[in-house]
């Protein structure tokens, strides 16, 4: 998200004196990157990013001067200057739009931060319930008690707290439960590799699911492609930012961003291949609850097996049909649980793993107990990869004889 300095001109080492002069000359200004509601494509707010408008080097990115500001004691002066400009610019924004701001780890170690924000908000007329304070995990290491006291005061002022770069630091779960967070940001390193690495997709899905289970909004950064947006949408991620929705812009270009129609997000493709447009949908955790309810109450046998044909989930009806407990199914291969039936159904299972939907396969039950009818549906993950098979089963005692008897009775 950082804007680069002018190409071909190396950025010299930044001194505290040069940074102080830049602050006095008002050369460090805020840029604003759009944050979008993924379900609707509507604008949710902006992340505020600092840029040094150097007279000869062009825009110098913050990673060149933030550390200098922290070490030299200029970080509060820098924060005040950036937020004063950002809060004033926000007067042209709708009242529902938020501003997200990164706070330096140094500022979370002193109790002056709430007073600083309160002073800036009062002088600019900005409502602090529109402010999201982003905290990185590094700010919490060895500093949880002080950070908690500051976070609670910020919350009392109306601010929301976001945990930035989740999963890239240490003791993430400990830090997540230590402060009263409102948001959880998915790091760009995972988002950027989602389309290529299944491991990254699983991490993103897990982070989004964790946020939902804790009642936190989830925000994904670094979204650059429609494919990434569609995957995040399927996972249930609520907010997104990245070059797909726009690069960071100076305050004078905010009106153009706000005037744009909502972003047209791609149709969401579910693991079953069905396209669904970007409307509200239950979170993965809610879908899991719904699925379990369907499993428990279904009048037919249901199961999900993985690519190795091991049972991952079965309902009570199927367990009774197979004359074994649910526990005796889980983690075991189909061939071990129903060895008499497996040779008859294995060819269909293999075809399902290759992507074929198969319905109404009839196989004989052992000991002349009747007929079992089965349906197999390939189960796909968010990228379309087949990860297992969904199975539906029904048993019919002397099925064909019963049909014949019905025909005679009808006559």
Foldseek 3Di string as FASTA:
>chain_A
DWDAWDPPDDDDQDALVNVVVQLVVLQKEWWWFWKAFLLPLATAATEIAIWGCDPPGGTHTCVRPCVNCLVVVNNLSNVLSHVLRVLLLCVPPDPRYAYEYEDDLSVLQDLCVVVSVVVSCVVRVGQQLRYEYEYEPVSCVVRLVSNQVNLVSSVVSNYAYEYPCQPPDPPRVVSVVSHPHQEYEHELVLLVCVLPDVVSLVVLLVSCVVCVVVNHAYEYEADDDLLSSLSCLQQPHTMYTHPVLHDIGGSVCVVVSNPDDRDQHDFRQALLRDTHGSHDDDHPVVVVVVVVVCQAPPPWWKFKAWPQQATCFTYPRVCVVLVHGRVVRHRDHPCVSQVVFCVVCVVVQVVQQVPDWAFFDWDQDPPLQAIKTKTWHFGGHSNNHGTTIMMIIDGDGNVVVVVVVVVVVVD
